[in-house]
Amino acid sequence: MNDPVHQKKLIVYAREGCHLCDEMISSLGVLQKENKFEFDVVDIDSDAHLVGLYTERVPVLYDTIAKKELCHYFLDQAVFDAYLAAS
């Protein structure tokens, strides 16, 4: 899984001043030290379409390869572990 073309890539849809967003981002940062994945943080307030999609559901953890939401509000460890285990 070291192939950069197949690197696991996530997006955290978040907003400034959101303590749940900060917690998810922090948790992912810790997990990233032991697991191979990348993630970007996207501020939904910079895009009206994203605000319409996620408004009060942030943070949302999104799998860019499968193009699906993994979890929202909190990092669901079981879902995240399954994501990491999938090839």
PDB file of N, CA and C in Angstrom:
ATOM      1  N   MET A   1       0.820  -1.192   0.000  1.00  0.00           N
ATOM      2  CA  MET A   1       0.000   0.000   0.000  1.00  0.00           C
ATOM      3  C   MET A   1       0.865   1.258   0.000  1.00  0.00           C
ATOM      4  N   ASN A   2       2.145   1.121  -0.231  1.00  0.00           N
ATOM      5  CA  ASN A   2       3.022   2.277  -0.258  1.00  0.00           C
ATOM      6  C   ASN A   2       2.992   3.012  -1.577  1.00  0.00           C
ATOM      7  N   ASP A   3       2.282   2.461  -2.560  1.00  0.00           N
ATOM      8  CA  ASP A   3       2.161   3.086  -3.861  1.00  0.00           C
ATOM      9  C   ASP A   3       1.399   4.407  -3.719  1.00  0.00           C
ATOM     10  N   PRO A   4       2.033   5.559  -4.026  1.00  0.00           N
ATOM     11  CA  PRO A   4       1.367   6.837  -3.839  1.00  0.00           C
ATOM     12  C   PRO A   4       0.105   6.998  -4.671  1.00  0.00           C
ATOM     13  N   VAL A   5       0.017   6.258  -5.789  1.00  0.00           N
ATOM     14  CA  VAL A   5      -1.188   6.334  -6.616  1.00  0.00           C
ATOM     15  C   VAL A   5      -2.376   5.759  -5.855  1.00  0.00           C
ATOM     16  N   HIS A   6      -2.128   4.772  -4.990  1.00  0.00           N
ATOM     17  CA  HIS A   6      -3.195   4.116  -4.247  1.00  0.00           C
ATOM     18  C   HIS A   6      -3.224   4.538  -2.773  1.00  0.00           C
ATOM     19  N   GLN A   7      -2.572   5.623  -2.445  1.00  0.00           N
ATOM     20  CA  GLN A   7      -2.566   6.118  -1.076  1.00  0.00           C
ATOM     21  C   GLN A   7      -3.997   6.449  -0.653  1.00  0.00           C
ATOM     22  N   LYS A   8      -4.329   6.075   0.544  1.00  0.00           N
ATOM     23  CA  LYS A   8      -5.649   6.388   1.065  1.00  0.00           C
ATOM     24  C   LYS A   8      -5.728   7.889   1.318  1.00  0.00           C
ATOM     25  N   LYS A   9      -6.813   8.489   0.877  1.00  0.00           N
ATOM     26  CA  LYS A   9      -6.948   9.944   0.938  1.00  0.00           C
ATOM     27  C   LYS A   9      -8.336  10.310   1.453  1.00  0.00           C
ATOM     28  N   LEU A  10      -8.354  11.146   2.469  1.00  0.00           N
ATOM     29  CA  LEU A  10      -9.589  11.576   3.097  1.00  0.00           C
ATOM     30  C   LEU A  10      -9.711  13.094   3.054  1.00  0.00           C
ATOM     31  N   ILE A  11     -10.938  13.555   3.185  1.00  0.00           N
ATOM     32  CA  ILE A  11     -11.206  14.977   3.378  1.00  0.00           C
ATOM     33  C   ILE A  11     -12.015  15.106   4.655  1.00  0.00           C
ATOM     34  N   VAL A  12     -11.649  16.075   5.473  1.00  0.00           N
ATOM     35  CA  VAL A  12     -12.476  16.442   6.613  1.00  0.00           C
ATOM     36  C   VAL A  12     -13.158  17.751   6.238  1.00  0.00           C
ATOM     37  N   TYR A  13     -14.485  17.687   6.058  1.00  0.00           N
ATOM     38  CA  TYR A  13     -15.248  18.899   5.837  1.00  0.00           C
ATOM     39  C   TYR A  13     -15.526  19.482   7.208  1.00  0.00           C
ATOM     40  N   ALA A  14     -15.084  20.717   7.423  1.00  0.00           N
ATOM     41  CA  ALA A  14     -15.120  21.308   8.755  1.00  0.00           C
ATOM     42  C   ALA A  14     -15.429  22.797   8.638  1.00  0.00           C
ATOM     43  N   ARG A  15     -15.447  23.449   9.791  1.00  0.00           N
ATOM     44  CA  ARG A  15     -15.563  24.909   9.808  1.00  0.00           C
ATOM     45  C   ARG A  15     -14.791  25.438  10.995  1.00  0.00           C
ATOM     46  N   GLU A  16     -14.363  26.681  10.877  1.00  0.00           N
ATOM     47  CA  GLU A  16     -13.607  27.327  11.946  1.00  0.00           C
ATOM     48  C   GLU A  16     -14.476  27.461  13.188  1.00  0.00           C
ATOM     49  N   GLY A  17     -13.841  27.314  14.358  1.00  0.00           N
ATOM     50  CA  GLY A  17     -14.541  27.487  15.618  1.00  0.00           C
ATOM     51  C   GLY A  17     -15.387  26.295  16.028  1.00  0.00           C
ATOM     52  N   CYS A  18     -15.225  25.182  15.358  1.00  0.00           N
ATOM     53  CA  CYS A  18     -16.015  23.970  15.642  1.00  0.00           C
ATOM     54  C   CYS A  18     -15.151  23.026  16.481  1.00  0.00           C
ATOM     55  N   HIS A  19     -15.530  22.836  17.740  1.00  0.00           N
ATOM     56  CA  HIS A  19     -14.713  21.981  18.608  1.00  0.00           C
ATOM     57  C   HIS A  19     -14.751  20.519  18.171  1.00  0.00           C
ATOM     58  N   LEU A  20     -15.879  20.056  17.614  1.00  0.00           N
ATOM     59  CA  LEU A  20     -15.934  18.677  17.114  1.00  0.00           C
ATOM     60  C   LEU A  20     -14.988  18.506  15.923  1.00  0.00           C
ATOM     61  N   CYS A  21     -14.911  19.525  15.087  1.00  0.00           N
ATOM     62  CA  CYS A  21     -13.994  19.493  13.943  1.00  0.00           C
ATOM     63  C   CYS A  21     -12.550  19.403  14.437  1.00  0.00           C
ATOM     64  N   ASP A  22     -12.223  20.231  15.410  1.00  0.00           N
ATOM     65  CA  ASP A  22     -10.869  20.223  15.965  1.00  0.00           C
ATOM     66  C   ASP A  22     -10.520  18.859  16.549  1.00  0.00           C
ATOM     67  N   GLU A  23     -11.490  18.238  17.227  1.00  0.00           N
ATOM     68  CA  GLU A  23     -11.251  16.922  17.825  1.00  0.00           C
ATOM     69  C   GLU A  23     -11.004  15.856  16.757  1.00  0.00           C
ATOM     70  N   MET A  24     -11.810  15.866  15.676  1.00  0.00           N
ATOM     71  CA  MET A  24     -11.627  14.871  14.623  1.00  0.00           C
ATOM     72  C   MET A  24     -10.274  15.070  13.930  1.00  0.00           C
ATOM     73  N   ILE A  25      -9.926  16.299  13.647  1.00  0.00           N
ATOM     74  CA  ILE A  25      -8.655  16.592  12.979  1.00  0.00           C
ATOM     75  C   ILE A  25      -7.484  16.160  13.857  1.00  0.00           C
ATOM     76  N   SER A  26      -7.580  16.430  15.131  1.00  0.00           N
ATOM     77  CA  SER A  26      -6.528  16.028  16.072  1.00  0.00           C
ATOM     78  C   SER A  26      -6.407  14.511  16.137  1.00  0.00           C
ATOM     79  N   SER A  27      -7.541  13.819  16.218  1.00  0.00           N
ATOM     80  CA  SER A  27      -7.531  12.348  16.268  1.00  0.00           C
ATOM     81  C   SER A  27      -6.913  11.755  15.009  1.00  0.00           C
ATOM     82  N   LEU A  28      -7.255  12.316  13.857  1.00  0.00           N
ATOM     83  CA  LEU A  28      -6.677  11.827  12.601  1.00  0.00           C
ATOM     84  C   LEU A  28      -5.175  12.073  12.562  1.00  0.00           C
ATOM     85  N   GLY A  29      -4.735  13.198  13.092  1.00  0.00           N
ATOM     86  CA  GLY A  29      -3.304  13.492  13.150  1.00  0.00           C
ATOM     87  C   GLY A  29      -2.548  12.465  13.965  1.00  0.00           C
ATOM     88  N   VAL A  30      -3.129  12.045  15.080  1.00  0.00           N
ATOM     89  CA  VAL A  30      -2.505  11.011  15.921  1.00  0.00           C
ATOM     90  C   VAL A  30      -2.482   9.681  15.181  1.00  0.00           C
ATOM     91  N   LEU A  31      -3.606   9.308  14.574  1.00  0.00           N
ATOM     92  CA  LEU A  31      -3.686   8.030  13.853  1.00  0.00           C
ATOM     93  C   LEU A  31      -2.765   7.998  12.642  1.00  0.00           C
ATOM     94  N   GLN A  32      -2.525   9.150  12.058  1.00  0.00           N
ATOM     95  CA  GLN A  32      -1.685   9.233  10.870  1.00  0.00           C
ATOM     96  C   GLN A  32      -0.235   8.871  11.175  1.00  0.00           C
ATOM     97  N   LYS A  33       0.181   9.006  12.405  1.00  0.00           N
ATOM     98  CA  LYS A  33       1.549   8.670  12.787  1.00  0.00           C
ATOM     99  C   LYS A  33       1.811   7.172  12.694  1.00  0.00           C
ATOM    100  N   GLU A  34       0.753   6.349  12.787  1.00  0.00           N
ATOM    101  CA  GLU A  34       0.916   4.898  12.767  1.00  0.00           C
ATOM    102  C   GLU A  34       0.288   4.232  11.555  1.00  0.00           C
ATOM    103  N   ASN A  35      -0.410   4.996  10.735  1.00  0.00           N
ATOM    104  CA  ASN A  35      -1.117   4.439   9.584  1.00  0.00           C
ATOM    105  C   ASN A  35      -0.827   5.276   8.353  1.00  0.00           C
ATOM    106  N   LYS A  36      -0.906   4.640   7.198  1.00  0.00           N
ATOM    107  CA  LYS A  36      -0.617   5.337   5.947  1.00  0.00           C
ATOM    108  C   LYS A  36      -1.912   5.847   5.329  1.00  0.00           C
ATOM    109  N   PHE A  37      -2.149   7.130   5.510  1.00  0.00           N
ATOM    110  CA  PHE A  37      -3.258   7.800   4.850  1.00  0.00           C
ATOM    111  C   PHE A  37      -2.973   9.293   4.868  1.00  0.00           C
ATOM    112  N   GLU A  38      -3.625   9.985   3.974  1.00  0.00           N
ATOM    113  CA  GLU A  38      -3.520  11.437   3.904  1.00  0.00           C
ATOM    114  C   GLU A  38      -4.897  12.014   4.163  1.00  0.00           C
ATOM    115  N   PHE A  39      -4.918  13.223   4.683  1.00  0.00           N
ATOM    116  CA  PHE A  39      -6.193  13.917   4.770  1.00  0.00           C
ATOM    117  C   PHE A  39      -5.984  15.417   4.605  1.00  0.00           C
ATOM    118  N   ASP A  40      -6.981  16.037   4.021  1.00  0.00           N
ATOM    119  CA  ASP A  40      -7.026  17.485   3.872  1.00  0.00           C
ATOM    120  C   ASP A  40      -8.235  17.979   4.640  1.00  0.00           C
ATOM    121  N   VAL A  41      -8.146  19.192   5.102  1.00  0.00           N
ATOM    122  CA  VAL A  41      -9.257  19.837   5.783  1.00  0.00           C
ATOM    123  C   VAL A  41      -9.809  20.902   4.851  1.00  0.00           C
ATOM    124  N   VAL A  42     -11.124  20.849   4.607  1.00  0.00           N
ATOM    125  CA  VAL A  42     -11.785  21.818   3.748  1.00  0.00           C
ATOM    126  C   VAL A  42     -12.809  22.570   4.588  1.00  0.00           C
ATOM    127  N   ASP A  43     -12.669  23.893   4.617  1.00  0.00           N
ATOM    128  CA  ASP A  43     -13.607  24.740   5.340  1.00  0.00           C
ATOM    129  C   ASP A  43     -14.865  24.885   4.492  1.00  0.00           C
ATOM    130  N   ILE A  44     -15.973  24.335   4.985  1.00  0.00           N
ATOM    131  CA  ILE A  44     -17.203  24.362   4.182  1.00  0.00           C
ATOM    132  C   ILE A  44     -17.718  25.779   3.956  1.00  0.00           C
ATOM    133  N   ASP A  45     -17.382  26.697   4.862  1.00  0.00           N
ATOM    134  CA  ASP A  45     -17.893  28.058   4.744  1.00  0.00           C
ATOM    135  C   ASP A  45     -17.299  28.819   3.567  1.00  0.00           C
ATOM    136  N   SER A  46     -16.295  28.234   2.908  1.00  0.00           N
ATOM    137  CA  SER A  46     -15.705  28.866   1.731  1.00  0.00           C
ATOM    138  C   SER A  46     -16.416  28.470   0.437  1.00  0.00           C
ATOM    139  N   ASP A  47     -17.455  27.622   0.548  1.00  0.00           N
ATOM    140  CA  ASP A  47     -18.140  27.112  -0.637  1.00  0.00           C
ATOM    141  C   ASP A  47     -19.628  26.939  -0.312  1.00  0.00           C
ATOM    142  N   ALA A  48     -20.473  27.707  -0.974  1.00  0.00           N
ATOM    143  CA  ALA A  48     -21.916  27.668  -0.706  1.00  0.00           C
ATOM    144  C   ALA A  48     -22.504  26.275  -0.917  1.00  0.00           C
ATOM    145  N   HIS A  49     -21.997  25.543  -1.901  1.00  0.00           N
ATOM    146  CA  HIS A  49     -22.490  24.190  -2.147  1.00  0.00           C
ATOM    147  C   HIS A  49     -22.204  23.284  -0.950  1.00  0.00           C
ATOM    148  N   LEU A  50     -20.992  23.379  -0.398  1.00  0.00           N
ATOM    149  CA  LEU A  50     -20.637  22.560   0.764  1.00  0.00           C
ATOM    150  C   LEU A  50     -21.459  22.949   1.993  1.00  0.00           C
ATOM    151  N   VAL A  51     -21.704  24.231   2.157  1.00  0.00           N
ATOM    152  CA  VAL A  51     -22.569  24.677   3.260  1.00  0.00           C
ATOM    153  C   VAL A  51     -23.939  24.029   3.114  1.00  0.00           C
ATOM    154  N   GLY A  52     -24.461  24.016   1.898  1.00  0.00           N
ATOM    155  CA  GLY A  52     -25.763  23.391   1.647  1.00  0.00           C
ATOM    156  C   GLY A  52     -25.773  21.903   1.945  1.00  0.00           C
ATOM    157  N   LEU A  53     -24.658  21.236   1.663  1.00  0.00           N
ATOM    158  CA  LEU A  53     -24.578  19.796   1.907  1.00  0.00           C
ATOM    159  C   LEU A  53     -24.405  19.442   3.386  1.00  0.00           C
ATOM    160  N   TYR A  54     -23.557  20.191   4.070  1.00  0.00           N
ATOM    161  CA  TYR A  54     -23.121  19.760   5.397  1.00  0.00           C
ATOM    162  C   TYR A  54     -23.566  20.648   6.558  1.00  0.00           C
ATOM    163  N   THR A  55     -23.975  21.852   6.306  1.00  0.00           N
ATOM    164  CA  THR A  55     -24.388  22.847   7.288  1.00  0.00           C
ATOM    165  C   THR A  55     -24.021  22.518   8.724  1.00  0.00           C
ATOM    166  N   GLU A  56     -24.874  21.825   9.441  1.00  0.00           N
ATOM    167  CA  GLU A  56     -24.658  21.539  10.866  1.00  0.00           C
ATOM    168  C   GLU A  56     -24.112  20.135  11.120  1.00  0.00           C
ATOM    169  N   ARG A  57     -23.739  19.413  10.088  1.00  0.00           N
ATOM    170  CA  ARG A  57     -23.284  18.026  10.253  1.00  0.00           C
ATOM    171  C   ARG A  57     -21.776  17.910  10.376  1.00  0.00           C
ATOM    172  N   VAL A  58     -21.059  19.014  10.413  1.00  0.00           N
ATOM    173  CA  VAL A  58     -19.604  18.953  10.466  1.00  0.00           C
ATOM    174  C   VAL A  58     -19.132  18.512  11.841  1.00  0.00           C
ATOM    175  N   PRO A  59     -17.994  17.869  11.903  1.00  0.00           N
ATOM    176  CA  PRO A  59     -17.144  17.509  10.786  1.00  0.00           C
ATOM    177  C   PRO A  59     -17.666  16.270  10.053  1.00  0.00           C
ATOM    178  N   VAL A  60     -17.351  16.198   8.790  1.00  0.00           N
ATOM    179  CA  VAL A  60     -17.691  15.037   7.970  1.00  0.00           C
ATOM    180  C   VAL A  60     -16.384  14.465   7.437  1.00  0.00           C
ATOM    181  N   LEU A  61     -16.179  13.173   7.650  1.00  0.00           N
ATOM    182  CA  LEU A  61     -14.999  12.493   7.124  1.00  0.00           C
ATOM    183  C   LEU A  61     -15.410  11.793   5.834  1.00  0.00           C
ATOM    184  N   TYR A  62     -14.727  12.151   4.745  1.00  0.00           N
ATOM    185  CA  TYR A  62     -15.112  11.719   3.405  1.00  0.00           C
ATOM    186  C   TYR A  62     -13.965  10.968   2.744  1.00  0.00           C
ATOM    187  N   ASP A  63     -14.282   9.805   2.189  1.00  0.00           N
ATOM    188  CA  ASP A  63     -13.319   8.971   1.464  1.00  0.00           C
ATOM    189  C   ASP A  63     -13.314   9.408   0.007  1.00  0.00           C
ATOM    190  N   THR A  64     -12.193   9.970  -0.457  1.00  0.00           N
ATOM    191  CA  THR A  64     -12.137  10.498  -1.819  1.00  0.00           C
ATOM    192  C   THR A  64     -12.053   9.413  -2.882  1.00  0.00           C
ATOM    193  N   ILE A  65     -11.600   8.231  -2.510  1.00  0.00           N
ATOM    194  CA  ILE A  65     -11.493   7.152  -3.501  1.00  0.00           C
ATOM    195  C   ILE A  65     -12.849   6.496  -3.724  1.00  0.00           C
ATOM    196  N   ALA A  66     -13.521   6.119  -2.634  1.00  0.00           N
ATOM    197  CA  ALA A  66     -14.845   5.492  -2.737  1.00  0.00           C
ATOM    198  C   ALA A  66     -15.935   6.535  -2.957  1.00  0.00           C
ATOM    199  N   LYS A  67     -15.573   7.805  -2.778  1.00  0.00           N
ATOM    200  CA  LYS A  67     -16.514   8.913  -2.921  1.00  0.00           C
ATOM    201  C   LYS A  67     -17.744   8.730  -2.027  1.00  0.00           C
ATOM    202  N   LYS A  68     -17.435   8.542  -0.722  1.00  0.00           N
ATOM    203  CA  LYS A  68     -18.542   8.389   0.224  1.00  0.00           C
ATOM    204  C   LYS A  68     -18.142   8.912   1.596  1.00  0.00           C
ATOM    205  N   GLU A  69     -19.158   9.301   2.329  1.00  0.00           N
ATOM    206  CA  GLU A  69     -18.976   9.763   3.692  1.00  0.00           C
ATOM    207  C   GLU A  69     -18.707   8.568   4.595  1.00  0.00           C
ATOM    208  N   LEU A  70     -17.690   8.686   5.437  1.00  0.00           N
ATOM    209  CA  LEU A  70     -17.390   7.614   6.394  1.00  0.00           C
ATOM    210  C   LEU A  70     -18.085   7.849   7.729  1.00  0.00           C
ATOM    211  N   CYS A  71     -18.071   9.078   8.208  1.00  0.00           N
ATOM    212  CA  CYS A  71     -18.732   9.395   9.471  1.00  0.00           C
ATOM    213  C   CYS A  71     -18.852  10.907   9.602  1.00  0.00           C
ATOM    214  N   HIS A  72     -19.648  11.331  10.569  1.00  0.00           N
ATOM    215  CA  HIS A  72     -19.760  12.756  10.846  1.00  0.00           C
ATOM    216  C   HIS A  72     -19.925  12.960  12.354  1.00  0.00           C
ATOM    217  N   TYR A  73     -19.711  14.165  12.793  1.00  0.00           N
ATOM    218  CA  TYR A  73     -19.695  14.593  14.194  1.00  0.00           C
ATOM    219  C   TYR A  73     -18.468  14.069  14.952  1.00  0.00           C
ATOM    220  N   PHE A  74     -18.280  12.750  14.952  1.00  0.00           N
ATOM    221  CA  PHE A  74     -17.171  12.140  15.679  1.00  0.00           C
ATOM    222  C   PHE A  74     -16.490  11.111  14.778  1.00  0.00           C
ATOM    223  N   LEU A  75     -15.234  10.848  15.033  1.00  0.00           N
ATOM    224  CA  LEU A  75     -14.515   9.814  14.306  1.00  0.00           C
ATOM    225  C   LEU A  75     -15.024   8.460  14.787  1.00  0.00           C
ATOM    226  N   ASP A  76     -15.648   7.716  13.905  1.00  0.00           N
ATOM    227  CA  ASP A  76     -16.145   6.373  14.217  1.00  0.00           C
ATOM    228  C   ASP A  76     -14.975   5.413  14.025  1.00  0.00           C
ATOM    229  N   GLN A  77     -14.407   4.965  15.131  1.00  0.00           N
ATOM    230  CA  GLN A  77     -13.182   4.161  15.077  1.00  0.00           C
ATOM    231  C   GLN A  77     -13.372   2.863  14.311  1.00  0.00           C
ATOM    232  N   ALA A  78     -14.512   2.193  14.468  1.00  0.00           N
ATOM    233  CA  ALA A  78     -14.764   0.934  13.753  1.00  0.00           C
ATOM    234  C   ALA A  78     -14.814   1.164  12.243  1.00  0.00           C
ATOM    235  N   VAL A  79     -15.485   2.210  11.827  1.00  0.00           N
ATOM    236  CA  VAL A  79     -15.570   2.538  10.397  1.00  0.00           C
ATOM    237  C   VAL A  79     -14.192   2.925   9.870  1.00  0.00           C
ATOM    238  N   PHE A  80     -13.462   3.703  10.655  1.00  0.00           N
ATOM    239  CA  PHE A  80     -12.125   4.118  10.234  1.00  0.00           C
ATOM    240  C   PHE A  80     -11.192   2.914  10.114  1.00  0.00           C
ATOM    241  N   ASP A  81     -11.247   1.994  11.078  1.00  0.00           N
ATOM    242  CA  ASP A  81     -10.417   0.784  11.015  1.00  0.00           C
ATOM    243  C   ASP A  81     -10.746  -0.050   9.788  1.00  0.00           C
ATOM    244  N   ALA A  82     -12.038  -0.146   9.445  1.00  0.00           N
ATOM    245  CA  ALA A  82     -12.444  -0.890   8.246  1.00  0.00           C
ATOM    246  C   ALA A  82     -11.921  -0.185   6.984  1.00  0.00           C
ATOM    247  N   TYR A  83     -11.954   1.125   6.993  1.00  0.00           N
ATOM    248  CA  TYR A  83     -11.417   1.903   5.877  1.00  0.00           C
ATOM    249  C   TYR A  83      -9.933   1.606   5.680  1.00  0.00           C
ATOM    250  N   LEU A  84      -9.181   1.593   6.783  1.00  0.00           N
ATOM    251  CA  LEU A  84      -7.750   1.320   6.686  1.00  0.00           C
ATOM    252  C   LEU A  84      -7.466  -0.108   6.230  1.00  0.00           C
ATOM    253  N   ALA A  85      -8.297  -1.051   6.655  1.00  0.00           N
ATOM    254  CA  ALA A  85      -8.088  -2.458   6.326  1.00  0.00           C
ATOM    255  C   ALA A  85      -8.414  -2.774   4.868  1.00  0.00           C
ATOM    256  N   ALA A  86      -9.291  -1.994   4.265  1.00  0.00           N
ATOM    257  CA  ALA A  86      -9.692  -2.234   2.868  1.00  0.00           C
ATOM    258  C   ALA A  86      -8.508  -1.933   1.947  1.00  0.00           C
ATOM    259  N   SER A  87      -8.340  -2.761   0.939  1.00  0.00           N
ATOM    260  CA  SER A  87      -7.240  -2.538  -0.012  1.00  0.00           C
ATOM    261  C   SER A  87      -7.674  -1.726  -1.179  1.00  0.00           C
TER     262      SER A  87
END
